[in-house]
Amino acid sequence: MTKKILNILSITAFSIASTYLSAQEKPYVSEVWAADHGKNYRNPILYADYSDPDVTRVGDDYYMTASSFNEAPGLPILHSKDMVNWKLVNYAIQDILPKEHFSVPRRGDAVWAPSIRFHKGEFYIYWGDPDYGIYMVKTKDPLGKWDEPVLVMEGKGLIDSCPFWDEDGNAYLVHGWAGSRAGVKSLLSINKMNSEGTKVLDKGVHIFDGHDAHPTVEGPKMYKRNGYYYIFAPAGGVATGWQLVLRSKNIYGPYEEKIVLEQGKTKINGPHQGAWVDTPSGEDWFYHFQDVDAGGRIVHLQPMKWEKDWPVMGIDNDKNGIGEPILTYKKPNVGKTYPIVTPPETDEFDGEKLGLQWQWSANENIVWASKLPGQKFLRLFSMKNPEGELNLWNVPNLLTQKFPAPNFVASTKVKLTPEDAKEGKTAGLLVMGLDHASIVITNKPDGYYVQLRKAEKADKGGVEKMLFEAKLKGNEAYFKVNVSEPNGICTFSYSENGKNFIKAGEPFQAKPGKWIGAKVGLYSVSTQKANRGGYADFEYFRITKN
């Protein structure tokens, strides 16, 4: 059987599996953001922090992954049939490597700027860890278990990696450099790999230097078309840069250069790195992200075409030869219409597992939480804060998810059971970033209290302070946080009956985390002095309109 036939069979199998999956499960549709508007779509297609997105097409199925940094599980896998509606279906890694190193939060480290490719019947994802090197993980089934990651290239400062298999069988790895570790950035380099893609075979060579005209060039993605090798790479910085495309007839260069997408007069700053994807009907499209501060790095989709063997992205409104991002456009032609679906947000905690939207701040320890079959709540145990910590920055057992829109309400009901501890147990609803704030229930010798807590410059050791306190009648409370424009203004409130909510303190300005947007979620902790034991039961977590 030929390799071509094997690939066709693999593509067909993935298509059937995806169709079966979508037929068996009711799609989740967000109340607060959906990009599908009938014949048209609006940007961003994902108003959530899927930073450094990369996409590959296999038949008529599209798969996306993104940076996940220290959050575990890592490397989210999203699936789409129409390029606009995306479902979160899996994660490629359950633990960040090395496991022990990432058993505590290493915020901003670990999984940077992955690339996803389909080669000889298998999916490959490569990413750079700025402290350890470039890893690869692969699978034949993106919805199932992925293989154990392989360290392809060890070293400091190696980031933003992308594999490329040429028609002659040679394999290559293109990557960028992190100035914070390597001492230099704004360079793109290439190494030869073995055909299996498991290790590099040489020291590599530089193929592009952006210091003169394209500072902070990074995030390279390599393709080949009409005899040209192409490298798509952003430059100029995450919030202020542009999309650069390089081309050459020789993989080692020299490379011609052209800016193909810029902010122009639009409100879409950046626009930063992403992926070129085509459709079976022959259309071309480009995914990229936009940094919106507390909202994170959200994903846009731009129309794309080729002119004189150069890509043209978006719409050239000012006729300067460089495209600008669009906000609305007709949906890609994929042959049929698919139902609206979005990544999950609300979790009623009535299933056997947590929703895929949840991530921990470090590699998960099984003792942090309990979710038993038939148990219609989530139990978070009162884990002791790391000794000497003044805020939640280094607490590993924070259970959070991405901001899903510029305006939304997150709500929960929590019951605190401190067991035999007279005080020192705390659980509640959290907005986490460089600054963090939470509304919590805590116990004291004379009863239970609701508190609003806040820490500024948490990454610098800022002390968490209590800004509001009120005594409760019992050990249960309902919490809400209303998040609204501009840029994540958070108003916390509480109730004892779930109907009459009382505002707690003053609004809080959400801040992004380290390389990520702000996150919202739940936690249960204990002071070092409190007796062991205790837990908090969360009945639900809901994202609704504000």
Protein backbone atom coordinates (compact mmCIF):
# COMPACT_ATOMS: atom_id res chain seq x y z
CA MET A 1 0.00 0.00 0.00
CA THR A 2 1.48 3.38 -0.98
CA LYS A 3 2.23 6.20 1.43
CA LYS A 4 -0.27 8.38 -0.42
CA ILE A 5 -3.08 5.86 0.14
CA LEU A 6 -2.09 5.48 3.81
CA ASN A 7 -2.30 9.23 4.30
CA ILE A 8 -5.71 9.33 2.60
CA LEU A 9 -6.96 6.56 4.89
CA SER A 10 -5.58 8.41 7.93
CA ILE A 11 -7.31 11.63 6.88
CA THR A 12 -10.60 9.78 6.33
CA ALA A 13 -10.36 8.09 9.74
CA PHE A 14 -9.82 11.43 11.51
CA SER A 15 -12.75 12.95 9.62
CA ILE A 16 -15.05 10.07 10.62
CA ALA A 17 -13.89 10.23 14.25
CA SER A 18 -14.52 13.98 14.41
CA THR A 19 -17.97 13.63 12.83
CA TYR A 20 -18.87 10.90 15.32
CA LEU A 21 -17.63 13.00 18.23
CA SER A 22 -19.67 16.02 17.18
CA ALA A 23 -22.76 13.86 16.62
CA GLN A 24 -22.57 12.25 20.07
CA GLU A 25 -22.02 15.40 22.12
CA LYS A 26 -24.18 18.49 22.33
CA PRO A 27 -21.97 21.43 21.35
CA TYR A 28 -21.27 24.06 24.01
CA VAL A 29 -22.21 27.59 22.95
CA SER A 30 -20.95 30.52 24.98
CA GLU A 31 -23.44 33.08 26.26
CA VAL A 32 -20.82 35.82 26.09
CA TRP A 33 -18.88 35.40 22.82
CA ALA A 34 -19.39 33.53 19.55
CA ALA A 35 -17.74 34.44 16.25
CA ASP A 36 -20.25 32.74 13.93
CA HIS A 37 -22.82 35.16 12.53
CA GLY A 38 -24.49 33.08 9.84
CA LYS A 39 -22.80 33.70 6.50
CA ASN A 40 -20.23 35.95 8.14
CA TYR A 41 -17.93 35.80 11.15
CA ARG A 42 -16.53 38.43 13.48
CA ASN A 43 -13.08 38.72 14.94
CA PRO A 44 -11.75 37.59 17.25
CA ILE A 45 -12.92 34.07 16.50
CA LEU A 46 -11.72 33.14 20.02
CA TYR A 47 -11.98 35.91 22.59
CA ALA A 48 -9.75 33.96 24.96
CA ASP A 49 -6.05 33.67 25.67
CA TYR A 50 -4.95 31.09 23.09
CA SER A 51 -1.56 32.71 22.71
CA ASP A 52 0.72 32.00 19.72
CA PRO A 53 -1.88 29.88 17.89
CA ASP A 54 -0.86 27.39 15.23
CA VAL A 55 -3.24 25.42 13.03
CA THR A 56 -2.97 22.47 10.69
CA ARG A 57 -5.55 20.97 8.33
CA VAL A 58 -6.02 17.21 7.85
CA GLY A 59 -8.63 16.54 5.19
CA ASP A 60 -11.57 18.71 6.21
CA ASP A 61 -10.61 18.84 9.89
CA TYR A 62 -8.65 21.68 11.47
CA TYR A 63 -6.59 21.38 14.64
CA MET A 64 -5.20 24.25 16.72
CA THR A 65 -2.75 24.41 19.60
CA ALA A 66 -1.38 27.35 21.58
CA SER A 67 1.09 28.38 24.26
CA SER A 68 0.17 27.25 27.77
CA PHE A 69 3.31 28.28 29.69
CA ASN A 70 3.25 26.88 33.28
CA GLU A 71 -0.45 25.97 33.29
CA ALA A 72 -1.26 22.26 33.50
CA PRO A 73 -2.44 20.37 31.58
CA GLY A 74 -0.65 22.04 28.69
CA LEU A 75 -0.80 22.41 24.91
CA PRO A 76 -4.56 22.71 24.37
CA ILE A 77 -5.95 20.91 21.33
CA LEU A 78 -8.90 22.57 19.61
CA HIS A 79 -10.84 21.15 16.66
CA SER A 80 -12.91 22.84 13.96
CA LYS A 81 -14.74 21.87 10.80
CA ASP A 82 -15.25 25.39 9.44
CA MET A 83 -12.27 27.39 10.80
CA VAL A 84 -14.59 29.70 12.77
CA ASN A 85 -16.25 27.44 15.36
CA TRP A 86 -13.70 25.80 17.65
CA LYS A 87 -14.16 23.09 20.27
CA LEU A 88 -11.59 22.35 22.99
CA VAL A 89 -11.08 18.58 22.71
CA ASN A 90 -7.87 17.63 24.51
CA TYR A 91 -4.43 18.55 25.84
CA ALA A 92 -1.23 17.14 24.40
CA ILE A 93 0.65 17.05 27.72
CA GLN A 94 -0.75 16.38 31.19
CA ASP A 95 2.41 17.39 33.06
CA ILE A 96 5.03 20.01 32.27
CA LEU A 97 8.58 18.66 32.06
CA PRO A 98 10.63 18.29 34.16
CA LYS A 99 7.74 17.21 36.39
CA GLU A 100 9.31 18.01 39.75
CA HIS A 101 10.54 21.42 38.60
CA PHE A 102 7.02 22.38 37.55
CA SER A 103 5.34 21.00 40.68
CA VAL A 104 5.31 24.63 41.80
CA PRO A 105 4.22 27.61 39.68
CA ARG A 106 6.92 28.82 37.31
CA ARG A 107 4.76 31.56 35.85
CA GLY A 108 5.67 32.56 32.32
CA ASP A 109 8.05 29.60 31.85
CA ALA A 110 7.69 26.18 30.16
CA VAL A 111 5.54 25.89 27.01
CA TRP A 112 6.23 28.68 24.53
CA ALA A 113 4.88 29.17 20.99
CA PRO A 114 4.15 25.65 19.70
CA SER A 115 3.72 24.51 16.12
CA ILE A 116 1.48 21.63 15.03
CA ARG A 117 2.02 19.57 11.88
CA PHE A 118 0.63 16.37 10.34
CA HIS A 119 3.32 14.13 8.81
CA LYS A 120 3.08 10.53 7.62
CA GLY A 121 -0.12 9.80 9.52
CA GLU A 122 0.93 11.43 12.80
CA PHE A 123 0.40 14.78 14.50
CA TYR A 124 3.54 16.50 15.79
CA ILE A 125 3.77 19.47 18.16
CA TYR A 126 7.09 21.23 18.77
CA TRP A 127 7.59 23.92 21.40
CA GLY A 128 10.43 25.70 23.10
CA ASP A 129 11.04 25.83 26.83
CA PRO A 130 13.40 28.82 27.25
CA ASP A 131 15.30 27.09 30.06
CA TYR A 132 15.51 23.50 28.81
CA GLY A 133 15.26 23.44 25.02
CA ILE A 134 12.92 22.32 22.26
CA TYR A 135 10.48 19.47 22.91
CA MET A 136 8.30 17.40 20.61
CA VAL A 137 5.18 15.34 21.32
CA LYS A 138 3.23 13.28 18.78
CA THR A 139 0.22 11.04 18.32
CA LYS A 140 -1.86 9.26 15.69
CA ASP A 141 -5.07 10.35 17.44
CA PRO A 142 -5.27 14.01 18.57
CA LEU A 143 -8.36 13.20 20.66
CA GLY A 144 -6.57 10.42 22.55
CA LYS A 145 -3.37 10.03 24.54
CA TRP A 146 -0.26 11.70 23.18
CA ASP A 147 3.18 10.08 23.45
CA GLU A 148 5.70 11.12 26.07
CA PRO A 149 7.50 14.32 25.03
CA VAL A 150 11.00 14.09 23.57
CA LEU A 151 13.72 16.71 24.11
CA VAL A 152 14.78 17.32 20.51
CA MET A 153 17.33 20.05 21.15
CA GLU A 154 18.74 20.89 24.56
CA GLY A 155 19.83 24.42 25.37
CA LYS A 156 19.05 27.81 26.90
CA GLY A 157 17.00 30.38 25.06
CA LEU A 158 15.69 28.07 22.32
CA ILE A 159 12.08 29.07 21.58
CA ASP A 160 9.36 29.33 18.94
CA SER A 161 10.20 26.17 17.01
CA CYS A 162 8.65 24.79 13.83
CA PRO A 163 9.50 21.54 11.98
CA PHE A 164 9.65 21.20 8.22
CA TRP A 165 9.88 18.02 6.13
CA ASP A 166 11.02 18.68 2.56
CA GLU A 167 10.02 16.65 -0.51
CA ASP A 168 13.48 15.06 -0.63
CA GLY A 169 12.98 13.55 2.83
CA ASN A 170 15.23 15.97 4.69
CA ALA A 171 13.86 17.34 7.96
CA TYR A 172 14.59 20.73 9.48
CA LEU A 173 13.79 22.74 12.61
CA VAL A 174 13.52 26.54 12.47
CA HIS A 175 13.42 28.50 15.73
CA GLY A 176 13.93 31.81 17.47
CA TRP A 177 15.87 32.96 20.53
CA ALA A 178 14.88 34.34 23.94
CA GLY A 179 17.13 37.25 24.85
CA SER A 180 16.42 36.74 28.55
CA ARG A 181 18.20 33.35 28.44
CA ALA A 182 20.40 33.34 25.33
CA GLY A 183 21.60 36.93 25.60
CA VAL A 184 20.49 37.61 22.03
CA LYS A 185 17.16 37.76 20.20
CA SER A 186 15.87 38.97 16.80
CA LEU A 187 17.53 36.00 15.10
CA LEU A 188 15.98 33.05 13.26
CA SER A 189 18.02 29.86 12.98
CA ILE A 190 17.63 26.46 11.35
CA ASN A 191 18.91 22.99 12.23
CA LYS A 192 18.80 19.71 10.35
CA MET A 193 16.84 16.96 12.09
CA ASN A 194 16.70 13.21 11.68
CA SER A 195 13.77 12.04 9.55
CA GLU A 196 11.85 10.94 12.66
CA GLY A 197 11.99 14.51 13.99
CA THR A 198 13.33 13.38 17.37
CA LYS A 199 16.74 15.11 17.42
CA VAL A 200 18.77 17.75 15.64
CA LEU A 201 21.88 16.72 13.73
CA ASP A 202 23.98 19.90 13.75
CA LYS A 203 24.67 23.14 15.58
CA GLY A 204 22.45 25.06 13.19
CA VAL A 205 22.93 28.28 11.22
CA HIS A 206 21.32 31.71 11.36
CA ILE A 207 19.11 32.41 8.35
CA PHE A 208 17.70 35.84 9.25
CA ASP A 209 18.83 38.77 11.40
CA GLY A 210 16.10 41.24 12.33
CA HIS A 211 18.18 43.72 14.30
CA ASP A 212 18.33 46.35 11.53
CA ALA A 213 14.73 46.49 10.26
CA HIS A 214 12.70 43.87 12.14
CA PRO A 215 13.60 43.84 15.85
CA THR A 216 12.19 41.05 18.00
CA VAL A 217 11.55 38.84 15.00
CA GLU A 218 10.26 35.57 16.44
CA GLY A 219 7.62 32.86 16.08
CA PRO A 220 8.76 31.46 12.70
CA LYS A 221 6.49 29.07 10.76
CA MET A 222 7.97 27.40 7.68
CA TYR A 223 6.10 26.39 4.51
CA LYS A 224 6.89 25.61 0.87
CA ARG A 225 4.98 26.76 -2.21
CA ASN A 226 5.86 27.03 -5.91
CA GLY A 227 9.51 26.21 -5.22
CA TYR A 228 9.86 28.90 -2.53
CA TYR A 229 10.61 28.26 1.10
CA TYR A 230 8.53 30.66 3.21
CA ILE A 231 8.98 31.75 6.79
CA PHE A 232 6.05 33.61 8.34
CA ALA A 233 7.27 35.51 11.42
CA PRO A 234 6.07 38.49 13.45
CA ALA A 235 8.42 41.33 14.33
CA GLY A 236 8.36 44.61 16.20
CA GLY A 237 6.91 43.35 19.48
CA VAL A 238 3.70 41.67 20.62
CA ALA A 239 1.59 44.81 21.04
CA THR A 240 3.20 47.03 18.41
CA GLY A 241 4.54 44.82 15.64
CA TRP A 242 3.70 43.48 12.18
CA GLN A 243 3.64 40.26 10.19
CA LEU A 244 6.78 39.61 8.18
CA VAL A 245 7.14 36.99 5.45
CA LEU A 246 10.49 35.75 4.16
CA ARG A 247 11.04 33.70 1.00
CA SER A 248 13.93 31.97 -0.72
CA LYS A 249 14.57 29.25 -3.29
CA ASN A 250 17.17 27.83 -0.90
CA ILE A 251 16.15 26.76 2.60
CA TYR A 252 19.32 28.38 3.98
CA GLY A 253 18.67 31.67 2.16
CA PRO A 254 19.34 34.40 1.41
CA TYR A 255 15.74 35.38 2.14
CA GLU A 256 13.78 38.22 0.60
CA GLU A 257 11.47 40.02 3.02
CA LYS A 258 8.05 41.67 2.88
CA ILE A 259 5.69 43.07 5.53
CA VAL A 260 2.27 41.62 4.72
CA LEU A 261 0.03 42.64 7.66
CA GLU A 262 0.06 45.66 9.98
CA GLN A 263 -2.30 47.43 12.36
CA GLY A 264 -2.65 50.47 10.14
CA LYS A 265 -5.64 52.55 11.19
CA THR A 266 -7.45 49.60 12.75
CA LYS A 267 -7.81 48.88 16.48
CA ILE A 268 -6.21 45.45 16.10
CA ASN A 269 -2.74 46.01 17.50
CA GLY A 270 0.14 43.68 16.77
CA PRO A 271 -0.98 41.70 14.80
CA HIS A 272 1.17 38.84 16.07
CA GLN A 273 2.21 35.33 15.06
CA GLY A 274 -0.05 32.62 13.73
CA ALA A 275 -0.63 30.16 10.93
CA TRP A 276 -1.33 29.96 7.20
CA VAL A 277 -4.06 27.40 6.45
CA ASP A 278 -5.79 26.49 3.20
CA THR A 279 -9.16 24.85 2.58
CA PRO A 280 -9.97 21.87 0.33
CA SER A 281 -11.72 24.38 -1.96
CA GLY A 282 -8.45 26.28 -2.45
CA GLU A 283 -8.97 29.30 -0.20
CA ASP A 284 -6.14 30.66 1.94
CA TRP A 285 -6.49 32.06 5.46
CA PHE A 286 -4.23 33.33 8.22
CA TYR A 287 -4.66 32.99 11.98
CA HIS A 288 -2.91 35.42 14.32
CA PHE A 289 -3.31 36.80 17.81
CA GLN A 290 -3.88 40.25 19.26
CA ASP A 291 -2.76 41.22 22.76
CA VAL A 292 -5.63 42.91 24.65
CA ASP A 293 -3.90 43.13 28.04
CA ALA A 294 -6.10 41.59 30.77
CA GLY A 295 -8.14 39.75 28.13
CA GLY A 296 -5.02 37.96 26.96
CA ARG A 297 -3.88 37.07 23.47
CA ILE A 298 -7.04 36.52 21.46
CA VAL A 299 -7.28 34.77 18.08
CA HIS A 300 -8.19 36.43 14.76
CA LEU A 301 -8.77 34.97 11.29
CA GLN A 302 -7.77 36.95 8.20
CA PRO A 303 -8.56 36.26 4.54
CA MET A 304 -5.40 35.67 2.51
CA LYS A 305 -4.47 35.40 -1.17
CA TRP A 306 -1.29 35.09 -3.20
CA GLU A 307 0.04 37.74 -5.59
CA LYS A 308 3.36 37.27 -7.38
CA ASP A 309 4.25 34.49 -4.92
CA TRP A 310 3.75 36.75 -1.90
CA PRO A 311 0.86 36.36 0.56
CA VAL A 312 -1.58 39.24 0.94
CA MET A 313 -3.44 39.22 4.28
CA GLY A 314 -6.50 41.16 5.41
CA ILE A 315 -7.52 44.22 3.38
CA ASP A 316 -5.12 46.86 2.08
CA ASN A 317 -7.26 49.86 3.07
CA ASP A 318 -4.64 52.56 2.56
CA LYS A 319 -3.22 51.01 -0.64
CA ASN A 320 0.35 50.92 0.68
CA GLY A 321 0.82 47.28 -0.31
CA ILE A 322 0.38 45.98 3.25
CA GLY A 323 -2.83 44.40 4.49
CA GLU A 324 -4.73 45.45 7.60
CA PRO A 325 -6.81 43.17 9.84
CA ILE A 326 -10.57 42.89 9.28
CA LEU A 327 -13.26 42.70 11.95
CA THR A 328 -15.98 40.95 9.95
CA TYR A 329 -15.84 38.87 6.78
CA LYS A 330 -17.62 36.06 4.95
CA LYS A 331 -16.94 32.64 6.43
CA PRO A 332 -14.50 30.24 4.73
CA ASN A 333 -15.97 28.06 2.01
CA VAL A 334 -15.81 24.56 3.50
CA GLY A 335 -18.69 23.08 1.49
CA LYS A 336 -21.38 23.02 4.21
CA THR A 337 -22.66 24.76 7.31
CA TYR A 338 -21.73 23.52 10.77
CA PRO A 339 -23.38 24.30 14.13
CA ILE A 340 -22.05 27.01 16.40
CA VAL A 341 -19.66 25.68 19.02
CA THR A 342 -17.23 27.38 21.43
CA PRO A 343 -14.73 26.22 24.06
CA PRO A 344 -16.45 25.34 27.36
CA GLU A 345 -16.76 27.87 30.19
CA THR A 346 -19.58 26.91 32.59
CA ASP A 347 -19.12 23.74 34.66
CA GLU A 348 -22.04 22.38 36.71
CA PHE A 349 -19.68 19.81 38.28
CA ASP A 350 -22.23 17.05 37.62
CA GLY A 351 -20.00 14.91 35.40
CA GLU A 352 -17.28 12.46 36.38
CA LYS A 353 -14.51 14.83 35.33
CA LEU A 354 -13.79 18.53 35.35
CA GLY A 355 -14.41 20.43 32.14
CA LEU A 356 -11.47 20.76 29.78
CA GLN A 357 -11.34 24.52 30.32
CA TRP A 358 -9.74 24.11 33.75
CA GLN A 359 -5.99 24.31 34.37
CA TRP A 360 -3.87 24.29 37.53
CA SER A 361 -1.02 26.72 38.18
CA ALA A 362 1.46 23.81 38.32
CA ASN A 363 1.51 20.08 37.66
CA GLU A 364 -1.53 18.59 39.36
CA ASN A 365 -1.26 16.79 42.68
CA ILE A 366 -4.11 14.31 43.09
CA VAL A 367 -4.72 15.41 46.71
CA TRP A 368 -5.83 18.90 45.67
CA ALA A 369 -9.32 17.93 44.56
CA SER A 370 -11.96 15.19 44.58
CA LYS A 371 -14.58 14.53 41.89
CA LEU A 372 -16.31 11.19 42.53
CA PRO A 373 -18.82 9.49 40.21
CA GLY A 374 -22.31 10.75 40.99
CA GLN A 375 -20.94 13.63 43.06
CA LYS A 376 -22.65 16.82 41.87
CA PHE A 377 -20.07 19.23 43.23
CA LEU A 378 -16.33 19.80 43.16
CA ARG A 379 -14.42 19.36 46.41
CA LEU A 380 -11.21 21.36 46.79
CA PHE A 381 -9.15 20.48 49.83
CA SER A 382 -7.71 23.19 52.08
CA MET A 383 -4.08 22.90 51.04
CA LYS A 384 -1.58 24.86 53.11
CA ASN A 385 -0.07 27.89 51.42
CA PRO A 386 3.69 27.68 50.80
CA GLU A 387 5.49 28.86 53.92
CA GLY A 388 6.33 32.54 53.95
CA GLU A 389 4.17 33.45 50.96
CA LEU A 390 2.40 36.81 51.19
CA ASN A 391 -0.07 36.24 48.34
CA LEU A 392 -1.28 33.58 45.87
CA TRP A 393 1.44 33.97 43.22
CA ASN A 394 3.30 30.80 44.22
CA VAL A 395 0.26 28.74 45.21
CA PRO A 396 0.06 25.73 42.84
CA ASN A 397 -3.52 24.57 43.52
CA LEU A 398 -5.35 27.48 41.89
CA LEU A 399 -7.96 26.10 39.48
CA THR A 400 -8.53 28.68 36.76
CA GLN A 401 -9.72 29.23 33.21
CA LYS A 402 -9.30 31.95 30.60
CA PHE A 403 -11.32 35.15 30.42
CA PRO A 404 -13.93 34.27 27.74
CA ALA A 405 -15.02 37.76 26.58
CA PRO A 406 -14.63 41.47 27.36
CA ASN A 407 -17.88 41.38 29.37
CA PHE A 408 -19.13 38.47 31.49
CA VAL A 409 -20.20 37.32 34.95
CA ALA A 410 -18.57 34.40 36.78
CA SER A 411 -20.51 32.91 39.69
CA THR A 412 -20.31 30.02 42.13
CA LYS A 413 -21.76 28.63 45.35
CA VAL A 414 -19.33 27.38 48.00
CA LYS A 415 -19.65 25.54 51.30
CA LEU A 416 -16.64 25.64 53.62
CA THR A 417 -16.00 22.72 55.99
CA PRO A 418 -12.92 23.50 58.14
CA GLU A 419 -13.18 20.20 60.07
CA ASP A 420 -11.49 20.78 63.44
CA ALA A 421 -9.69 24.03 62.54
CA LYS A 422 -11.03 27.02 64.48
CA GLU A 423 -9.69 29.46 61.89
CA GLY A 424 -7.44 29.78 58.85
CA LYS A 425 -9.40 27.99 56.10
CA THR A 426 -10.35 30.03 53.02
CA ALA A 427 -12.11 29.29 49.73
CA GLY A 428 -13.63 31.39 47.01
CA LEU A 429 -13.77 33.01 43.60
CA LEU A 430 -10.55 34.43 42.16
CA VAL A 431 -9.34 36.77 39.41
CA MET A 432 -5.63 36.03 38.96
CA GLY A 433 -2.88 38.07 37.32
CA LEU A 434 0.12 40.20 38.26
CA ASP A 435 -2.40 41.71 40.67
CA HIS A 436 -5.07 39.38 42.04
CA ALA A 437 -8.36 39.74 43.89
CA SER A 438 -10.79 37.22 45.36
CA ILE A 439 -14.05 37.04 47.26
CA VAL A 440 -13.85 34.28 49.84
CA ILE A 441 -15.48 32.58 52.79
CA THR A 442 -13.19 32.07 55.77
CA ASN A 443 -13.61 30.79 59.32
CA LYS A 444 -12.78 32.44 62.64
CA PRO A 445 -13.39 31.27 66.22
CA ASP A 446 -16.70 33.19 66.30
CA GLY A 447 -18.05 32.02 62.92
CA TYR A 448 -17.82 32.47 59.16
CA TYR A 449 -17.01 35.64 57.24
CA VAL A 450 -17.02 36.83 53.66
CA GLN A 451 -13.94 38.84 52.69
CA LEU A 452 -12.67 40.67 49.62
CA ARG A 453 -8.92 40.28 49.31
CA LYS A 454 -6.44 41.92 46.96
CA ALA A 455 -2.72 41.76 46.26
CA GLU A 456 -0.97 44.31 44.04
CA LYS A 457 2.26 43.36 42.29
CA ALA A 458 1.83 39.79 43.45
CA ASP A 459 4.76 38.71 41.28
CA LYS A 460 6.98 41.08 43.29
CA GLY A 461 5.81 39.83 46.67
CA GLY A 462 2.99 42.33 47.22
CA VAL A 463 1.09 41.58 50.43
CA GLU A 464 -2.49 40.34 50.12
CA LYS A 465 -4.79 42.73 52.01
CA MET A 466 -8.38 42.47 53.20
CA LEU A 467 -10.51 45.25 51.71
CA PHE A 468 -13.97 44.19 52.89
CA GLU A 469 -15.43 41.90 55.54
CA ALA A 470 -18.92 40.88 56.70
CA LYS A 471 -20.12 38.12 59.00
CA LEU A 472 -22.19 35.28 57.54
CA LYS A 473 -24.99 33.30 59.19
CA GLY A 474 -23.49 29.96 58.13
CA ASN A 475 -20.77 28.22 56.18
CA GLU A 476 -22.27 28.68 52.69
CA ALA A 477 -22.17 31.65 50.33
CA TYR A 478 -22.87 32.62 46.73
CA PHE A 479 -20.19 34.65 44.96
CA LYS A 480 -20.14 36.66 41.73
CA VAL A 481 -17.64 38.74 39.84
CA ASN A 482 -18.90 41.02 37.09
CA VAL A 483 -16.14 41.65 34.53
CA SER A 484 -16.71 44.54 32.13
CA GLU A 485 -15.02 46.93 29.75
CA PRO A 486 -12.78 48.78 29.64
CA ASN A 487 -10.10 46.15 30.06
CA GLY A 488 -11.48 43.96 32.81
CA ILE A 489 -13.07 46.02 35.57
CA CYS A 490 -14.11 43.45 38.20
CA THR A 491 -16.95 44.03 40.66
CA PHE A 492 -17.35 41.36 43.35
CA SER A 493 -20.56 40.59 45.22
CA TYR A 494 -21.97 37.95 47.57
CA SER A 495 -25.28 36.53 48.76
CA GLU A 496 -26.49 34.14 51.43
CA ASN A 497 -29.64 33.07 49.57
CA GLY A 498 -28.55 33.25 45.93
CA LYS A 499 -31.01 36.05 45.16
CA ASN A 500 -30.03 39.24 46.96
CA PHE A 501 -26.43 40.12 46.17
CA ILE A 502 -24.40 42.69 48.09
CA LYS A 503 -21.45 44.52 46.54
CA ALA A 504 -18.16 43.77 48.30
CA GLY A 505 -15.68 46.63 48.30
CA GLU A 506 -14.55 48.71 45.33
CA PRO A 507 -14.05 47.50 41.73
CA PHE A 508 -10.77 45.80 40.91
CA GLN A 509 -8.80 46.35 37.70
CA ALA A 510 -7.79 42.96 36.35
CA LYS A 511 -4.18 42.65 35.24
CA PRO A 512 -2.64 40.13 32.86
CA GLY A 513 -0.35 37.44 34.21
CA LYS A 514 3.14 36.73 32.96
CA TRP A 515 2.77 36.32 29.16
CA ILE A 516 -0.91 35.41 29.65
CA GLY A 517 -4.20 37.19 30.21
CA ALA A 518 -6.00 37.37 33.54
CA LYS A 519 -7.69 34.14 34.64
CA VAL A 520 -10.81 33.47 36.66
CA GLY A 521 -11.44 30.48 38.88
CA LEU A 522 -11.63 28.80 42.27
CA TYR A 523 -9.33 27.92 45.14
CA SER A 524 -9.22 26.48 48.65
CA VAL A 525 -6.28 27.12 50.95
CA SER A 526 -5.17 27.07 54.56
CA THR A 527 -2.73 29.08 56.62
CA GLN A 528 0.40 27.32 57.84
CA LYS A 529 -0.76 27.60 61.46
CA ALA A 530 -4.20 26.03 60.97
CA ASN A 531 -4.74 22.35 61.72
CA ARG A 532 -4.58 19.96 58.79
CA GLY A 533 -7.78 19.00 57.02
CA GLY A 534 -10.73 20.95 55.74
CA TYR A 535 -12.29 21.38 52.32
CA ALA A 536 -14.63 23.51 50.24
CA ASP A 537 -17.45 22.16 48.06
CA PHE A 538 -18.29 24.18 44.95
CA GLU A 539 -21.76 23.46 43.55
CA TYR A 540 -21.15 25.04 40.13
CA PHE A 541 -19.10 27.57 38.18
CA ARG A 542 -21.07 29.59 35.62
CA ILE A 543 -20.19 32.11 32.95
CA THR A 544 -23.15 34.28 31.97
CA LYS A 545 -23.92 37.67 30.48
CA ASN A 546 -23.57 40.73 32.66
